[in-house]
Amino acid sequence: MEGELLLYIQELRNEVLDPIMVFITHTGDYGVLCIAAAFLLILLRKTRNLGHIIAFSIGIEFIINNGIIKNLVARIRPYEVIDDLTILIGKQPDYSFPSGHTGVTFAFAAAMLFALLFGIEGLPKSKRFVTATLLVMFYALLLGFSRLYVGVHYPTDVLSGMVLGFITGALGYFIEKRVRRAWEKKHPV
């Protein structure tokens, strides 16, 4: 069934969408965009706590996803198994399950969502913050779909990356909160 869905998505490919989806999928390579954004947020005083939350989230996601689950499950990429499936990017160097690209972007998006919903010291719930969070959520969804579109993941790989990213986003939020409180207790201002 997953193979049939991937072949259906392959039929949607065209000369307009192909380069867009390839570009979107490459924005997730190695989590560089998410890491750079977290670093930039850490540098800015007003968004420092949010940057820490995101950094914790994507760090935890990377360790669990790429360090543990991918190697335990060792799922072969769909283009290695499905005869008529062609890929739009190069062969991937690691296993398929779960999607690391999707996981890291959802960890970033979920971290922002938790910060928005539960609050974060020094960062008010402004329209800009709401808009930024919605844009990052949309980007994460689009990136996840791009992994199917270019033919390098099964749908369950992407779904599991979404779930893992959401869980690690929550973990990052709550861990940062505890670490910050412990730090402030030891180093009062």
C-alpha atoms as a PDB file:
ATOM      1  CA  MET A   1       0.000   0.000   0.000  1.00  0.00           C
ATOM      2  CA  GLU A   2       2.806   2.438   0.830  1.00  0.00           C
ATOM      3  CA  GLY A   3       4.495   1.613  -2.439  1.00  0.00           C
ATOM      4  CA  GLU A   4       1.280   2.310  -4.349  1.00  0.00           C
ATOM      5  CA  LEU A   5       0.982   5.699  -2.642  1.00  0.00           C
ATOM      6  CA  LEU A   6       4.567   6.584  -3.560  1.00  0.00           C
ATOM      7  CA  LEU A   7       3.948   5.587  -7.174  1.00  0.00           C
ATOM      8  CA  TYR A   8       0.794   7.735  -7.178  1.00  0.00           C
ATOM      9  CA  ILE A   9       2.766  10.710  -5.847  1.00  0.00           C
ATOM     10  CA  GLN A  10       5.375  10.041  -8.545  1.00  0.00           C
ATOM     11  CA  GLU A  11       2.634  10.485 -11.159  1.00  0.00           C
ATOM     12  CA  LEU A  12       2.021  14.011  -9.788  1.00  0.00           C
ATOM     13  CA  ARG A  13       5.565  15.075 -10.643  1.00  0.00           C
ATOM     14  CA  ASN A  14       6.003  17.771 -13.266  1.00  0.00           C
ATOM     15  CA  GLU A  15       8.560  20.281 -14.502  1.00  0.00           C
ATOM     16  CA  VAL A  16       7.199  23.050 -12.267  1.00  0.00           C
ATOM     17  CA  LEU A  17       6.926  21.129  -8.971  1.00  0.00           C
ATOM     18  CA  ASP A  18      10.043  18.958  -9.328  1.00  0.00           C
ATOM     19  CA  PRO A  19      12.672  21.683  -8.778  1.00  0.00           C
ATOM     20  CA  ILE A  20      10.582  23.250  -5.997  1.00  0.00           C
ATOM     21  CA  MET A  21      10.269  19.950  -4.117  1.00  0.00           C
ATOM     22  CA  VAL A  22      13.946  19.126  -4.639  1.00  0.00           C
ATOM     23  CA  PHE A  23      14.875  22.550  -3.243  1.00  0.00           C
ATOM     24  CA  ILE A  24      12.551  22.140  -0.244  1.00  0.00           C
ATOM     25  CA  THR A  25      13.864  18.666   0.535  1.00  0.00           C
ATOM     26  CA  HIS A  26      17.484  19.912   0.412  1.00  0.00           C
ATOM     27  CA  THR A  27      16.712  22.711   2.890  1.00  0.00           C
ATOM     28  CA  GLY A  28      16.460  19.915   5.450  1.00  0.00           C
ATOM     29  CA  ASP A  29      19.849  18.360   4.676  1.00  0.00           C
ATOM     30  CA  TYR A  30      21.792  17.649   7.891  1.00  0.00           C
ATOM     31  CA  GLY A  31      19.360  19.874   9.807  1.00  0.00           C
ATOM     32  CA  VAL A  32      21.594  22.834   8.925  1.00  0.00           C
ATOM     33  CA  LEU A  33      18.750  25.330   8.485  1.00  0.00           C
ATOM     34  CA  CYS A  34      17.164  24.387  11.831  1.00  0.00           C
ATOM     35  CA  ILE A  35      20.524  24.412  13.616  1.00  0.00           C
ATOM     36  CA  ALA A  36      21.425  27.812  12.139  1.00  0.00           C
ATOM     37  CA  ALA A  37      18.040  29.251  13.138  1.00  0.00           C
ATOM     38  CA  ALA A  38      18.422  27.913  16.702  1.00  0.00           C
ATOM     39  CA  PHE A  39      21.917  29.411  16.901  1.00  0.00           C
ATOM     40  CA  LEU A  40      20.662  32.777  15.657  1.00  0.00           C
ATOM     41  CA  LEU A  41      17.829  32.743  18.195  1.00  0.00           C
ATOM     42  CA  ILE A  42      20.322  31.961  20.973  1.00  0.00           C
ATOM     43  CA  LEU A  43      22.438  34.945  19.951  1.00  0.00           C
ATOM     44  CA  LEU A  44      19.516  37.350  20.317  1.00  0.00           C
ATOM     45  CA  ARG A  45      18.719  38.161  23.954  1.00  0.00           C
ATOM     46  CA  LYS A  46      14.936  38.351  23.471  1.00  0.00           C
ATOM     47  CA  THR A  47      14.736  34.913  21.793  1.00  0.00           C
ATOM     48  CA  ARG A  48      17.576  33.164  23.662  1.00  0.00           C
ATOM     49  CA  ASN A  49      15.298  30.866  25.684  1.00  0.00           C
ATOM     50  CA  LEU A  50      13.404  29.870  22.532  1.00  0.00           C
ATOM     51  CA  GLY A  51      16.730  29.117  20.833  1.00  0.00           C
ATOM     52  CA  HIS A  52      17.708  26.894  23.744  1.00  0.00           C
ATOM     53  CA  ILE A  53      14.387  25.040  23.546  1.00  0.00           C
ATOM     54  CA  ILE A  54      14.852  24.446  19.820  1.00  0.00           C
ATOM     55  CA  ALA A  55      18.481  23.383  20.267  1.00  0.00           C
ATOM     56  CA  PHE A  56      17.510  20.850  22.958  1.00  0.00           C
ATOM     57  CA  SER A  57      14.646  19.588  20.774  1.00  0.00           C
ATOM     58  CA  ILE A  58      16.642  19.036  17.596  1.00  0.00           C
ATOM     59  CA  GLY A  59      19.590  17.589  19.534  1.00  0.00           C
ATOM     60  CA  ILE A  60      17.375  15.029  21.263  1.00  0.00           C
ATOM     61  CA  GLU A  61      15.599  14.244  17.986  1.00  0.00           C
ATOM     62  CA  PHE A  62      18.885  13.657  16.179  1.00  0.00           C
ATOM     63  CA  ILE A  63      20.217  11.304  18.857  1.00  0.00           C
ATOM     64  CA  ILE A  64      17.018   9.256  19.063  1.00  0.00           C
ATOM     65  CA  ASN A  65      16.265   9.232  15.319  1.00  0.00           C
ATOM     66  CA  ASN A  66      19.620   8.999  13.566  1.00  0.00           C
ATOM     67  CA  GLY A  67      21.646   7.512  16.393  1.00  0.00           C
ATOM     68  CA  ILE A  68      19.251   4.869  17.680  1.00  0.00           C
ATOM     69  CA  ILE A  69      16.014   4.143  15.774  1.00  0.00           C
ATOM     70  CA  LYS A  70      17.347   4.225  12.202  1.00  0.00           C
ATOM     71  CA  ASN A  71      20.077   1.723  13.079  1.00  0.00           C
ATOM     72  CA  LEU A  72      17.786  -0.550  15.102  1.00  0.00           C
ATOM     73  CA  VAL A  73      15.045  -0.705  12.456  1.00  0.00           C
ATOM     74  CA  ALA A  74      17.429  -0.601   9.449  1.00  0.00           C
ATOM     75  CA  ARG A  75      14.624  -0.124   6.917  1.00  0.00           C
ATOM     76  CA  ILE A  76      15.762  -0.135   3.298  1.00  0.00           C
ATOM     77  CA  ARG A  77      14.887   2.953   1.240  1.00  0.00           C
ATOM     78  CA  PRO A  78      11.777   2.602  -0.961  1.00  0.00           C
ATOM     79  CA  TYR A  79      13.651   3.199  -4.226  1.00  0.00           C
ATOM     80  CA  GLU A  80      15.700   0.059  -3.456  1.00  0.00           C
ATOM     81  CA  VAL A  81      12.537  -2.063  -3.177  1.00  0.00           C
ATOM     82  CA  ILE A  82       9.843  -0.551  -5.425  1.00  0.00           C
ATOM     83  CA  ASP A  83      10.717  -1.338  -9.044  1.00  0.00           C
ATOM     84  CA  ASP A  84       9.039   1.589 -10.811  1.00  0.00           C
ATOM     85  CA  LEU A  85       9.943   4.265  -8.257  1.00  0.00           C
ATOM     86  CA  THR A  86      12.528   6.784  -9.404  1.00  0.00           C
ATOM     87  CA  ILE A  87      14.207   9.318  -7.173  1.00  0.00           C
ATOM     88  CA  LEU A  88      14.719  12.997  -7.927  1.00  0.00           C
ATOM     89  CA  ILE A  89      17.786  13.360  -5.699  1.00  0.00           C
ATOM     90  CA  GLY A  90      20.836  11.217  -4.988  1.00  0.00           C
ATOM     91  CA  LYS A  91      20.696   7.974  -3.051  1.00  0.00           C
ATOM     92  CA  GLN A  92      20.623   8.539   0.685  1.00  0.00           C
ATOM     93  CA  PRO A  93      23.521   7.268   2.838  1.00  0.00           C
ATOM     94  CA  ASP A  94      21.433   6.005   5.765  1.00  0.00           C
ATOM     95  CA  TYR A  95      18.334   3.971   6.483  1.00  0.00           C
ATOM     96  CA  SER A  96      14.785   5.086   5.784  1.00  0.00           C
ATOM     97  CA  PHE A  97      12.862   4.830   9.076  1.00  0.00           C
ATOM     98  CA  PRO A  98      12.107   7.349  10.503  1.00  0.00           C
ATOM     99  CA  SER A  99      12.613  10.399   8.289  1.00  0.00           C
ATOM    100  CA  GLY A 100      15.373  12.500   9.821  1.00  0.00           C
ATOM    101  CA  HIS A 101      14.565  15.539   7.683  1.00  0.00           C
ATOM    102  CA  THR A 102      10.948  15.444   8.842  1.00  0.00           C
ATOM    103  CA  GLY A 103      11.901  14.690  12.430  1.00  0.00           C
ATOM    104  CA  VAL A 104      14.252  17.630  12.846  1.00  0.00           C
ATOM    105  CA  THR A 105      11.893  20.139  11.229  1.00  0.00           C
ATOM    106  CA  PHE A 106       8.989  18.896  13.349  1.00  0.00           C
ATOM    107  CA  ALA A 107      11.159  19.080  16.474  1.00  0.00           C
ATOM    108  CA  PHE A 108      11.816  22.722  15.583  1.00  0.00           C
ATOM    109  CA  ALA A 109       8.138  23.417  14.826  1.00  0.00           C
ATOM    110  CA  ALA A 110       6.876  21.609  17.935  1.00  0.00           C
ATOM    111  CA  ALA A 111       9.366  23.469  20.126  1.00  0.00           C
ATOM    112  CA  MET A 112       7.964  26.737  18.815  1.00  0.00           C
ATOM    113  CA  LEU A 113       4.405  25.506  19.271  1.00  0.00           C
ATOM    114  CA  PHE A 114       5.009  24.462  22.893  1.00  0.00           C
ATOM    115  CA  ALA A 115       6.717  27.786  23.596  1.00  0.00           C
ATOM    116  CA  LEU A 116       3.731  29.569  22.101  1.00  0.00           C
ATOM    117  CA  LEU A 117       1.072  27.513  23.895  1.00  0.00           C
ATOM    118  CA  PHE A 118       2.709  27.267  27.317  1.00  0.00           C
ATOM    119  CA  GLY A 119       4.682  30.488  27.258  1.00  0.00           C
ATOM    120  CA  ILE A 120       8.335  31.281  27.490  1.00  0.00           C
ATOM    121  CA  GLU A 121      10.102  33.736  29.714  1.00  0.00           C
ATOM    122  CA  GLY A 122      10.930  36.977  27.929  1.00  0.00           C
ATOM    123  CA  LEU A 123       8.969  36.235  24.773  1.00  0.00           C
ATOM    124  CA  PRO A 124       5.350  37.443  24.671  1.00  0.00           C
ATOM    125  CA  LYS A 125       2.638  35.746  22.619  1.00  0.00           C
ATOM    126  CA  SER A 126       2.644  38.284  19.822  1.00  0.00           C
ATOM    127  CA  LYS A 127       1.070  38.093  16.363  1.00  0.00           C
ATOM    128  CA  ARG A 128       4.602  37.803  14.958  1.00  0.00           C
ATOM    129  CA  PHE A 129       5.330  34.781  17.142  1.00  0.00           C
ATOM    130  CA  VAL A 130       2.032  33.139  16.164  1.00  0.00           C
ATOM    131  CA  THR A 131       2.727  33.828  12.477  1.00  0.00           C
ATOM    132  CA  ALA A 132       6.292  32.531  12.702  1.00  0.00           C
ATOM    133  CA  THR A 133       5.103  29.354  14.438  1.00  0.00           C
ATOM    134  CA  LEU A 134       2.432  28.716  11.796  1.00  0.00           C
ATOM    135  CA  LEU A 135       4.967  29.289   9.000  1.00  0.00           C
ATOM    136  CA  VAL A 136       7.433  26.873  10.570  1.00  0.00           C
ATOM    137  CA  MET A 137       4.658  24.276  10.999  1.00  0.00           C
ATOM    138  CA  PHE A 138       3.706  24.689   7.330  1.00  0.00           C
ATOM    139  CA  TYR A 139       7.364  24.379   6.314  1.00  0.00           C
ATOM    140  CA  ALA A 140       7.714  21.165   8.350  1.00  0.00           C
ATOM    141  CA  LEU A 141       4.640  19.660   6.647  1.00  0.00           C
ATOM    142  CA  LEU A 142       5.899  20.696   3.220  1.00  0.00           C
ATOM    143  CA  LEU A 143       9.340  19.272   3.884  1.00  0.00           C
ATOM    144  CA  GLY A 144       7.826  15.991   5.037  1.00  0.00           C
ATOM    145  CA  PHE A 145       5.770  15.762   1.852  1.00  0.00           C
ATOM    146  CA  SER A 146       8.843  16.598  -0.233  1.00  0.00           C
ATOM    147  CA  ARG A 147      10.562  13.467   1.117  1.00  0.00           C
ATOM    148  CA  LEU A 148       7.735  11.388  -0.375  1.00  0.00           C
ATOM    149  CA  TYR A 149       7.672  13.431  -3.571  1.00  0.00           C
ATOM    150  CA  VAL A 150      11.384  12.924  -4.301  1.00  0.00           C
ATOM    151  CA  GLY A 151      10.995   9.188  -3.565  1.00  0.00           C
ATOM    152  CA  VAL A 152      13.358   8.665  -0.630  1.00  0.00           C
ATOM    153  CA  HIS A 153      10.891   7.763   2.147  1.00  0.00           C
ATOM    154  CA  TYR A 154       7.829   5.668   2.797  1.00  0.00           C
ATOM    155  CA  PRO A 155       4.771   7.480   4.211  1.00  0.00           C
ATOM    156  CA  THR A 156       5.252   5.749   7.577  1.00  0.00           C
ATOM    157  CA  ASP A 157       8.837   7.066   7.680  1.00  0.00           C
ATOM    158  CA  VAL A 158       7.518  10.611   7.366  1.00  0.00           C
ATOM    159  CA  LEU A 159       4.664  10.061   9.830  1.00  0.00           C
ATOM    160  CA  SER A 160       7.033   8.589  12.394  1.00  0.00           C
ATOM    161  CA  GLY A 161       9.416  11.522  11.874  1.00  0.00           C
ATOM    162  CA  MET A 162       6.500  13.883  12.536  1.00  0.00           C
ATOM    163  CA  VAL A 163       5.533  12.066  15.739  1.00  0.00           C
ATOM    164  CA  LEU A 164       9.120  11.799  16.972  1.00  0.00           C
ATOM    165  CA  GLY A 165       9.726  15.463  16.172  1.00  0.00           C
ATOM    166  CA  PHE A 166       6.613  16.472  18.066  1.00  0.00           C
ATOM    167  CA  ILE A 167       7.638  14.388  21.098  1.00  0.00           C
ATOM    168  CA  THR A 168      11.193  15.742  21.098  1.00  0.00           C
ATOM    169  CA  GLY A 169       9.840  19.284  20.680  1.00  0.00           C
ATOM    170  CA  ALA A 170       7.857  18.760  23.878  1.00  0.00           C
ATOM    171  CA  LEU A 171      10.872  17.230  25.621  1.00  0.00           C
ATOM    172  CA  GLY A 172      13.052  20.145  24.547  1.00  0.00           C
ATOM    173  CA  TYR A 173      10.544  22.621  25.957  1.00  0.00           C
ATOM    174  CA  PHE A 174      10.269  20.947  29.351  1.00  0.00           C
ATOM    175  CA  ILE A 175      13.970  20.086  29.649  1.00  0.00           C
ATOM    176  CA  GLU A 176      15.002  23.665  28.853  1.00  0.00           C
ATOM    177  CA  LYS A 177      12.584  24.931  31.487  1.00  0.00           C
ATOM    178  CA  ARG A 178      14.109  22.663  34.160  1.00  0.00           C
ATOM    179  CA  VAL A 179      17.682  23.445  33.119  1.00  0.00           C
ATOM    180  CA  ARG A 180      16.984  27.192  33.134  1.00  0.00           C
ATOM    181  CA  ARG A 181      15.389  27.013  36.607  1.00  0.00           C
ATOM    182  CA  ALA A 182      18.335  25.002  37.969  1.00  0.00           C
ATOM    183  CA  TRP A 183      20.780  27.492  36.420  1.00  0.00           C
ATOM    184  CA  GLU A 184      18.914  30.482  37.855  1.00  0.00           C
ATOM    185  CA  LYS A 185      18.844  28.845  41.278  1.00  0.00           C
ATOM    186  CA  LYS A 186      22.626  28.382  41.259  1.00  0.00           C
ATOM    187  CA  HIS A 187      23.332  31.738  39.592  1.00  0.00           C
ATOM    188  CA  PRO A 188      20.800  34.275  40.883  1.00  0.00           C
ATOM    189  CA  VAL A 189      20.759  37.602  39.082  1.00  0.00           C
END
